[in-house]
Amino acid sequence: MNSKIIAIILIVLGIVMMVYTGFNYVTTKNIVHMGPMMINQQQNHFVQWSPVIGIVLLVGGIIVLLTQKKA
């Protein structure tokens, strides 16, 4: 794969990870199942990462972009 494409992907991913520091997803857990009656509970799960990871990806992408060989 071309190093310029990898660098651009790293830069975009780094910017996105700095702006959005996590995301939420919901799972449904079956609590009671008694005949035709069901009681479910929805649980929110938050996945969070440090913005420093985004900065590292951004800097890495810039370094790859600046050090690529001209072809």
C-alpha atoms as a PDB file:
ATOM      1  CA  MET A   1       0.000   0.000   0.000  1.00  0.00           C
ATOM      2  CA  ASN A   2       1.205   3.473  -0.792  1.00  0.00           C
ATOM      3  CA  SER A   3       2.767   5.275   2.186  1.00  0.00           C
ATOM      4  CA  LYS A   4       0.910   8.477   1.287  1.00  0.00           C
ATOM      5  CA  ILE A   5      -2.450   6.696   1.694  1.00  0.00           C
ATOM      6  CA  ILE A   6      -1.339   5.235   5.038  1.00  0.00           C
ATOM      7  CA  ALA A   7      -0.223   8.673   6.216  1.00  0.00           C
ATOM      8  CA  ILE A   8      -3.536  10.268   5.253  1.00  0.00           C
ATOM      9  CA  ILE A   9      -5.473   7.484   7.013  1.00  0.00           C
ATOM     10  CA  LEU A  10      -3.381   7.971  10.171  1.00  0.00           C
ATOM     11  CA  ILE A  11      -3.914  11.741  10.103  1.00  0.00           C
ATOM     12  CA  VAL A  12      -7.683  11.462   9.621  1.00  0.00           C
ATOM     13  CA  LEU A  13      -7.966   8.744  12.277  1.00  0.00           C
ATOM     14  CA  GLY A  14      -5.898  10.855  14.692  1.00  0.00           C
ATOM     15  CA  ILE A  15      -8.134  13.894  14.194  1.00  0.00           C
ATOM     16  CA  VAL A  16     -11.295  11.820  14.649  1.00  0.00           C
ATOM     17  CA  MET A  17      -9.933  10.212  17.832  1.00  0.00           C
ATOM     18  CA  MET A  18      -9.052  13.636  19.267  1.00  0.00           C
ATOM     19  CA  VAL A  19     -12.535  15.029  18.551  1.00  0.00           C
ATOM     20  CA  TYR A  20     -14.535  11.945  19.583  1.00  0.00           C
ATOM     21  CA  THR A  21     -13.033  10.461  22.740  1.00  0.00           C
ATOM     22  CA  GLY A  22     -15.407   7.505  22.889  1.00  0.00           C
ATOM     23  CA  PHE A  23     -18.686   5.989  21.859  1.00  0.00           C
ATOM     24  CA  ASN A  24     -21.712   4.352  23.438  1.00  0.00           C
ATOM     25  CA  TYR A  25     -23.391   1.069  22.624  1.00  0.00           C
ATOM     26  CA  VAL A  26     -26.441  -0.583  24.176  1.00  0.00           C
ATOM     27  CA  THR A  27     -26.964  -4.252  24.989  1.00  0.00           C
ATOM     28  CA  THR A  28     -30.208  -5.895  26.067  1.00  0.00           C
ATOM     29  CA  LYS A  29     -30.098  -8.399  28.913  1.00  0.00           C
ATOM     30  CA  ASN A  30     -32.950 -10.815  29.586  1.00  0.00           C
ATOM     31  CA  ILE A  31     -33.832 -10.545  33.308  1.00  0.00           C
ATOM     32  CA  VAL A  32     -37.028 -12.597  33.620  1.00  0.00           C
ATOM     33  CA  HIS A  33     -38.563 -15.048  31.164  1.00  0.00           C
ATOM     34  CA  MET A  34     -41.731 -16.511  32.640  1.00  0.00           C
ATOM     35  CA  GLY A  35     -44.097 -17.951  30.061  1.00  0.00           C
ATOM     36  CA  PRO A  36     -45.189 -15.226  27.637  1.00  0.00           C
ATOM     37  CA  MET A  37     -43.846 -12.486  29.939  1.00  0.00           C
ATOM     38  CA  MET A  38     -40.302 -11.251  29.426  1.00  0.00           C
ATOM     39  CA  ILE A  39     -38.510  -8.474  31.292  1.00  0.00           C
ATOM     40  CA  ASN A  40     -35.445  -7.033  29.589  1.00  0.00           C
ATOM     41  CA  GLN A  41     -32.909  -4.518  30.796  1.00  0.00           C
ATOM     42  CA  GLN A  42     -30.935  -2.274  28.502  1.00  0.00           C
ATOM     43  CA  GLN A  43     -27.387  -1.493  29.564  1.00  0.00           C
ATOM     44  CA  ASN A  44     -25.295   1.360  28.206  1.00  0.00           C
ATOM     45  CA  HIS A  45     -21.616   0.645  27.684  1.00  0.00           C
ATOM     46  CA  PHE A  46     -19.241   3.531  27.110  1.00  0.00           C
ATOM     47  CA  VAL A  47     -15.947   2.855  25.335  1.00  0.00           C
ATOM     48  CA  GLN A  48     -13.484   5.650  26.006  1.00  0.00           C
ATOM     49  CA  TRP A  49      -9.909   6.323  24.928  1.00  0.00           C
ATOM     50  CA  SER A  50      -7.430   9.050  25.702  1.00  0.00           C
ATOM     51  CA  PRO A  51      -7.058  11.955  23.248  1.00  0.00           C
ATOM     52  CA  VAL A  52      -3.303  11.358  23.500  1.00  0.00           C
ATOM     53  CA  ILE A  53      -3.750   8.314  21.257  1.00  0.00           C
ATOM     54  CA  GLY A  54      -5.236  10.601  18.595  1.00  0.00           C
ATOM     55  CA  ILE A  55      -2.300  12.991  18.933  1.00  0.00           C
ATOM     56  CA  VAL A  56       0.175  10.119  18.543  1.00  0.00           C
ATOM     57  CA  LEU A  57      -1.620   8.896  15.401  1.00  0.00           C
ATOM     58  CA  LEU A  58      -1.722  12.432  13.982  1.00  0.00           C
ATOM     59  CA  VAL A  59       2.000  13.020  14.581  1.00  0.00           C
ATOM     60  CA  GLY A  60       2.834   9.561  13.215  1.00  0.00           C
ATOM     61  CA  GLY A  61       0.849  10.278  10.053  1.00  0.00           C
ATOM     62  CA  ILE A  62       2.583  13.616   9.579  1.00  0.00           C
ATOM     63  CA  ILE A  63       5.993  11.980  10.043  1.00  0.00           C
ATOM     64  CA  VAL A  64       5.166   9.254   7.508  1.00  0.00           C
ATOM     65  CA  LEU A  65       3.907  11.885   5.069  1.00  0.00           C
ATOM     66  CA  LEU A  66       7.012  14.044   5.415  1.00  0.00           C
ATOM     67  CA  THR A  67       9.541  11.190   5.242  1.00  0.00           C
ATOM     68  CA  GLN A  68       8.124   9.351   2.238  1.00  0.00           C
ATOM     69  CA  LYS A  69      10.335   9.044  -0.808  1.00  0.00           C
ATOM     70  CA  LYS A  70       9.457  11.037  -3.892  1.00  0.00           C
ATOM     71  CA  ALA A  71       8.746   8.653  -6.762  1.00  0.00           C
END
